[in-house]
Amino acid sequence: QGQLLELGGGLVQAGGSLSLSCAATRNIYRLGTMAWYRQAPGEQRELVASITNVGSTDYVESVKGRFTAFRDNDKNTIYLQMNSLKPEDTGVYYCNTRRNDLRWGPGTQVTVSS
């Protein structure tokens, strides 16, 4: 089925930046559109950003202008550059295909302090 491993989370002050990566054990070009999700404490997992296999992106309104998703198909890795972080960005960040058809990875914790 393939595995996913998210890295790069941490604790940062509001206004700071973090760079996340997600490595897949499958060919992500063939998987098509990949996506980043996050789950805040007590909340459901939500879609944050998606990126097609040719690099077209889409973002939830709350992160537009602050987050940038990109991918390296040769490395089977997607990335999420997060700038101007806000406390409401706190959560566990996951990646998956847009169809969620891979087993979820462990995620990476992002904590933004005010």
N, C-alpha and C. Protein backbone atom coordinates (compact mmCIF):
# COMPACT_ATOMS: atom_id res chain seq x y z
N GLN A 1 0.82 -1.20 0.00
CA GLN A 1 0.00 0.00 0.00
C GLN A 1 0.86 1.25 0.00
N GLY A 2 2.06 1.15 0.52
CA GLY A 2 2.91 2.33 0.57
C GLY A 2 2.90 2.96 1.93
N GLN A 3 4.02 3.59 2.25
CA GLN A 3 4.14 4.25 3.55
C GLN A 3 4.48 5.72 3.36
N LEU A 4 4.13 6.48 4.38
CA LEU A 4 4.39 7.91 4.39
C LEU A 4 5.11 8.27 5.69
N LEU A 5 6.06 9.18 5.59
CA LEU A 5 6.77 9.63 6.78
C LEU A 5 6.89 11.14 6.72
N GLU A 6 6.24 11.79 7.67
CA GLU A 6 6.27 13.24 7.76
C GLU A 6 7.34 13.68 8.76
N LEU A 7 8.08 14.70 8.40
CA LEU A 7 9.14 15.22 9.25
C LEU A 7 9.12 16.74 9.23
N GLY A 8 9.75 17.33 10.23
CA GLY A 8 9.98 18.76 10.19
C GLY A 8 9.19 19.60 11.17
N GLY A 9 8.30 18.97 11.92
CA GLY A 9 7.52 19.74 12.87
C GLY A 9 8.36 20.23 14.03
N GLY A 10 7.74 21.01 14.89
CA GLY A 10 8.44 21.51 16.05
C GLY A 10 7.65 22.59 16.74
N LEU A 11 8.32 23.25 17.68
CA LEU A 11 7.72 24.35 18.43
C LEU A 11 8.30 25.66 17.90
N VAL A 12 7.43 26.57 17.58
CA VAL A 12 7.87 27.85 17.03
C VAL A 12 6.98 28.95 17.56
N GLN A 13 7.52 30.13 17.66
CA GLN A 13 6.72 31.27 18.08
C GLN A 13 5.88 31.79 16.92
N ALA A 14 4.79 32.43 17.26
CA ALA A 14 3.95 33.04 16.23
C ALA A 14 4.80 33.96 15.36
N GLY A 15 4.56 33.87 14.06
CA GLY A 15 5.35 34.65 13.12
C GLY A 15 6.53 33.91 12.55
N GLY A 16 6.84 32.77 13.14
CA GLY A 16 7.98 31.98 12.69
C GLY A 16 7.65 31.09 11.51
N SER A 17 8.62 30.27 11.14
CA SER A 17 8.49 29.42 9.97
C SER A 17 8.91 27.99 10.29
N LEU A 18 8.34 27.07 9.56
CA LEU A 18 8.74 25.67 9.61
C LEU A 18 8.64 25.09 8.21
N SER A 19 9.48 24.09 7.96
CA SER A 19 9.43 23.39 6.68
C SER A 19 9.17 21.91 6.95
N LEU A 20 8.10 21.41 6.39
CA LEU A 20 7.74 20.02 6.55
C LEU A 20 8.08 19.23 5.29
N SER A 21 8.37 17.97 5.47
CA SER A 21 8.56 17.08 4.33
C SER A 21 7.77 15.81 4.56
N CYS A 22 7.45 15.16 3.48
CA CYS A 22 6.72 13.89 3.54
C CYS A 22 7.29 12.99 2.46
N ALA A 23 7.93 11.91 2.91
CA ALA A 23 8.52 10.96 1.98
C ALA A 23 7.59 9.76 1.82
N ALA A 24 7.41 9.36 0.59
CA ALA A 24 6.55 8.21 0.29
C ALA A 24 7.40 7.06 -0.25
N THR A 25 6.94 5.85 -0.02
CA THR A 25 7.66 4.69 -0.54
C THR A 25 7.14 4.27 -1.91
N ARG A 26 6.22 5.06 -2.43
CA ARG A 26 5.69 4.80 -3.76
C ARG A 26 5.97 5.96 -4.68
N ASN A 27 5.79 5.74 -5.95
CA ASN A 27 6.01 6.76 -6.96
C ASN A 27 4.91 7.81 -6.88
N ILE A 28 5.26 8.98 -6.38
CA ILE A 28 4.20 9.96 -6.14
C ILE A 28 3.68 10.58 -7.44
N TYR A 29 4.48 10.55 -8.49
CA TYR A 29 3.96 11.08 -9.76
C TYR A 29 2.76 10.24 -10.20
N ARG A 30 2.89 8.93 -10.06
CA ARG A 30 1.78 8.04 -10.43
C ARG A 30 0.61 8.16 -9.47
N LEU A 31 0.90 8.55 -8.24
CA LEU A 31 -0.19 8.71 -7.27
C LEU A 31 -1.04 9.93 -7.57
N GLY A 32 -0.47 10.88 -8.33
CA GLY A 32 -1.25 12.05 -8.70
C GLY A 32 -1.22 13.13 -7.65
N THR A 33 -2.37 13.72 -7.41
CA THR A 33 -2.45 14.84 -6.48
C THR A 33 -2.18 14.36 -5.06
N MET A 34 -1.22 15.04 -4.43
CA MET A 34 -0.90 14.78 -3.03
C MET A 34 -1.44 15.94 -2.20
N ALA A 35 -1.52 15.71 -0.91
CA ALA A 35 -2.11 16.75 -0.07
C ALA A 35 -1.51 16.74 1.33
N TRP A 36 -1.58 17.90 1.95
CA TRP A 36 -1.25 18.05 3.36
C TRP A 36 -2.54 18.25 4.15
N TYR A 37 -2.58 17.62 5.29
CA TYR A 37 -3.71 17.72 6.19
C TYR A 37 -3.19 18.08 7.58
N ARG A 38 -4.06 18.59 8.41
CA ARG A 38 -3.69 18.81 9.80
C ARG A 38 -4.88 18.49 10.69
N GLN A 39 -4.52 18.12 11.90
CA GLN A 39 -5.54 17.81 12.89
C GLN A 39 -5.20 18.54 14.17
N ALA A 40 -6.02 19.50 14.51
CA ALA A 40 -5.83 20.25 15.75
C ALA A 40 -6.42 19.44 16.89
N PRO A 41 -5.97 19.70 18.10
CA PRO A 41 -6.51 18.97 19.26
C PRO A 41 -8.03 19.06 19.33
N GLY A 42 -8.67 17.92 19.42
CA GLY A 42 -10.12 17.89 19.54
C GLY A 42 -10.88 18.16 18.26
N GLU A 43 -10.16 18.29 17.16
CA GLU A 43 -10.80 18.60 15.89
C GLU A 43 -10.62 17.46 14.90
N GLN A 44 -11.39 17.51 13.85
CA GLN A 44 -11.22 16.54 12.77
C GLN A 44 -10.05 16.95 11.87
N ARG A 45 -9.51 15.98 11.21
CA ARG A 45 -8.45 16.25 10.25
C ARG A 45 -9.02 17.10 9.11
N GLU A 46 -8.25 18.12 8.72
CA GLU A 46 -8.71 18.99 7.64
C GLU A 46 -7.66 19.11 6.55
N LEU A 47 -8.13 19.32 5.36
CA LEU A 47 -7.23 19.53 4.22
C LEU A 47 -6.62 20.92 4.32
N VAL A 48 -5.32 21.01 4.15
CA VAL A 48 -4.62 22.29 4.20
C VAL A 48 -4.17 22.72 2.83
N ALA A 49 -3.58 21.79 2.08
CA ALA A 49 -3.03 22.13 0.77
C ALA A 49 -3.01 20.89 -0.09
N SER A 50 -3.14 21.10 -1.38
CA SER A 50 -3.00 19.99 -2.32
C SER A 50 -2.09 20.42 -3.46
N ILE A 51 -1.46 19.44 -4.07
CA ILE A 51 -0.55 19.74 -5.17
C ILE A 51 -0.64 18.61 -6.19
N THR A 52 -0.90 18.99 -7.43
CA THR A 52 -1.03 18.00 -8.49
C THR A 52 0.35 17.45 -8.86
N ASN A 53 0.35 16.43 -9.68
CA ASN A 53 1.64 15.83 -10.02
C ASN A 53 2.48 16.71 -10.94
N VAL A 54 1.90 17.81 -11.42
CA VAL A 54 2.70 18.76 -12.20
C VAL A 54 2.89 20.08 -11.45
N GLY A 55 2.51 20.09 -10.19
CA GLY A 55 2.85 21.22 -9.33
C GLY A 55 1.80 22.28 -9.13
N SER A 56 0.62 22.11 -9.66
CA SER A 56 -0.44 23.07 -9.38
C SER A 56 -0.94 22.90 -7.95
N THR A 57 -1.13 24.00 -7.28
CA THR A 57 -1.47 23.94 -5.86
C THR A 57 -2.81 24.59 -5.55
N ASP A 58 -3.35 24.19 -4.42
CA ASP A 58 -4.56 24.78 -3.89
C ASP A 58 -4.44 24.78 -2.38
N TYR A 59 -5.01 25.79 -1.74
CA TYR A 59 -4.86 25.94 -0.29
C TYR A 59 -6.18 26.28 0.35
N VAL A 60 -6.32 25.85 1.60
CA VAL A 60 -7.45 26.33 2.38
C VAL A 60 -7.26 27.82 2.61
N GLU A 61 -8.35 28.54 2.69
CA GLU A 61 -8.28 30.00 2.74
C GLU A 61 -7.40 30.51 3.88
N SER A 62 -7.41 29.83 5.00
CA SER A 62 -6.71 30.32 6.18
C SER A 62 -5.19 30.30 6.05
N VAL A 63 -4.66 29.58 5.07
CA VAL A 63 -3.20 29.50 4.93
C VAL A 63 -2.70 30.14 3.64
N LYS A 64 -3.61 30.61 2.83
CA LYS A 64 -3.20 31.23 1.56
C LYS A 64 -2.27 32.42 1.81
N GLY A 65 -1.19 32.46 1.05
CA GLY A 65 -0.22 33.53 1.21
C GLY A 65 0.83 33.25 2.26
N ARG A 66 0.62 32.22 3.07
CA ARG A 66 1.57 31.89 4.14
C ARG A 66 2.24 30.53 3.91
N PHE A 67 1.50 29.59 3.37
CA PHE A 67 2.01 28.23 3.16
C PHE A 67 2.25 28.01 1.67
N THR A 68 3.28 27.25 1.38
CA THR A 68 3.60 26.87 0.01
C THR A 68 3.90 25.39 -0.05
N ALA A 69 3.15 24.69 -0.89
CA ALA A 69 3.39 23.26 -1.09
C ALA A 69 4.19 23.07 -2.37
N PHE A 70 5.12 22.15 -2.33
CA PHE A 70 5.84 21.79 -3.54
C PHE A 70 6.25 20.32 -3.43
N ARG A 71 6.71 19.79 -4.53
CA ARG A 71 7.01 18.36 -4.55
C ARG A 71 8.24 18.10 -5.41
N ASP A 72 8.90 17.01 -5.08
CA ASP A 72 10.02 16.51 -5.89
C ASP A 72 9.66 15.09 -6.27
N ASN A 73 9.16 14.91 -7.46
CA ASN A 73 8.70 13.59 -7.87
C ASN A 73 9.85 12.58 -7.93
N ASP A 74 11.04 13.06 -8.25
CA ASP A 74 12.19 12.15 -8.32
C ASP A 74 12.53 11.57 -6.95
N LYS A 75 12.26 12.35 -5.90
CA LYS A 75 12.54 11.90 -4.54
C LYS A 75 11.31 11.34 -3.85
N ASN A 76 10.20 11.31 -4.56
CA ASN A 76 8.94 10.83 -3.97
C ASN A 76 8.64 11.55 -2.66
N THR A 77 8.85 12.84 -2.67
CA THR A 77 8.70 13.65 -1.47
C THR A 77 7.91 14.91 -1.77
N ILE A 78 7.03 15.26 -0.86
CA ILE A 78 6.35 16.55 -0.95
C ILE A 78 6.76 17.39 0.26
N TYR A 79 6.57 18.68 0.13
CA TYR A 79 7.02 19.62 1.15
C TYR A 79 5.93 20.64 1.43
N LEU A 80 6.03 21.23 2.60
CA LEU A 80 5.14 22.32 2.96
C LEU A 80 5.97 23.37 3.69
N GLN A 81 6.16 24.49 3.05
CA GLN A 81 6.84 25.62 3.67
C GLN A 81 5.78 26.48 4.35
N MET A 82 5.94 26.67 5.64
CA MET A 82 4.96 27.40 6.42
C MET A 82 5.60 28.64 7.00
N ASN A 83 5.11 29.78 6.61
CA ASN A 83 5.63 31.06 7.09
C ASN A 83 4.54 31.81 7.85
N SER A 84 4.95 32.80 8.59
CA SER A 84 4.01 33.63 9.37
C SER A 84 3.04 32.76 10.15
N LEU A 85 3.57 31.81 10.85
CA LEU A 85 2.73 30.85 11.56
C LEU A 85 1.93 31.52 12.66
N LYS A 86 0.74 30.98 12.87
CA LYS A 86 -0.19 31.48 13.88
C LYS A 86 -0.50 30.36 14.86
N PRO A 87 -0.91 30.71 16.07
CA PRO A 87 -1.27 29.66 17.04
C PRO A 87 -2.33 28.70 16.49
N GLU A 88 -3.23 29.20 15.68
CA GLU A 88 -4.27 28.32 15.12
C GLU A 88 -3.75 27.35 14.08
N ASP A 89 -2.48 27.45 13.72
CA ASP A 89 -1.87 26.47 12.84
C ASP A 89 -1.40 25.23 13.61
N THR A 90 -1.48 25.28 14.91
CA THR A 90 -1.04 24.17 15.74
C THR A 90 -1.83 22.91 15.43
N GLY A 91 -1.13 21.80 15.34
CA GLY A 91 -1.77 20.52 15.09
C GLY A 91 -0.76 19.50 14.60
N VAL A 92 -1.26 18.32 14.35
CA VAL A 92 -0.43 17.28 13.75
C VAL A 92 -0.65 17.34 12.24
N TYR A 93 0.43 17.42 11.51
CA TYR A 93 0.36 17.54 10.06
C TYR A 93 0.67 16.20 9.41
N TYR A 94 -0.17 15.85 8.47
CA TYR A 94 -0.06 14.59 7.74
C TYR A 94 -0.04 14.86 6.24
N CYS A 95 0.47 13.90 5.52
CA CYS A 95 0.32 13.95 4.07
C CYS A 95 -0.37 12.67 3.61
N ASN A 96 -0.93 12.72 2.44
CA ASN A 96 -1.55 11.57 1.81
C ASN A 96 -1.88 11.95 0.39
N THR A 97 -2.40 11.04 -0.37
CA THR A 97 -2.94 11.41 -1.66
C THR A 97 -4.22 12.21 -1.41
N ARG A 98 -4.65 12.89 -2.40
CA ARG A 98 -5.90 13.67 -2.27
C ARG A 98 -7.09 12.73 -2.04
N ARG A 99 -6.93 11.49 -2.47
CA ARG A 99 -8.00 10.49 -2.28
C ARG A 99 -7.84 9.75 -0.96
N ASN A 100 -6.78 10.04 -0.22
CA ASN A 100 -6.53 9.38 1.06
C ASN A 100 -6.43 7.87 0.91
N ASP A 101 -5.77 7.41 -0.15
CA ASP A 101 -5.77 5.97 -0.35
C ASP A 101 -4.48 5.30 0.07
N LEU A 102 -3.64 6.02 0.81
CA LEU A 102 -2.49 5.39 1.44
C LEU A 102 -2.71 5.32 2.94
N ARG A 103 -2.00 4.41 3.55
CA ARG A 103 -2.08 4.32 5.00
C ARG A 103 -1.48 5.60 5.59
N TRP A 104 -2.16 6.15 6.56
CA TRP A 104 -1.68 7.40 7.16
C TRP A 104 -0.35 7.17 7.89
N GLY A 105 0.53 8.14 7.76
CA GLY A 105 1.78 8.09 8.49
C GLY A 105 1.60 8.59 9.91
N PRO A 106 2.70 8.71 10.64
CA PRO A 106 2.60 9.13 12.03
C PRO A 106 2.30 10.61 12.19
N GLY A 107 2.49 11.40 11.13
CA GLY A 107 2.31 12.83 11.23
C GLY A 107 3.48 13.50 11.93
N THR A 108 3.48 14.81 11.91
CA THR A 108 4.51 15.57 12.60
C THR A 108 3.83 16.73 13.33
N GLN A 109 4.19 16.89 14.59
CA GLN A 109 3.53 17.87 15.44
C GLN A 109 4.08 19.27 15.17
N VAL A 110 3.18 20.19 14.96
CA VAL A 110 3.52 21.61 14.83
C VAL A 110 2.82 22.35 15.96
N THR A 111 3.61 23.05 16.74
CA THR A 111 3.06 23.83 17.84
C THR A 111 3.52 25.27 17.69
N VAL A 112 2.55 26.17 17.62
CA VAL A 112 2.87 27.59 17.46
C VAL A 112 2.42 28.30 18.74
N SER A 113 3.37 28.90 19.42
CA SER A 113 3.07 29.59 20.66
C SER A 113 2.79 31.07 20.37
N SER A 114 1.94 31.63 21.20
CA SER A 114 1.56 33.04 21.00
C SER A 114 2.53 33.96 21.71
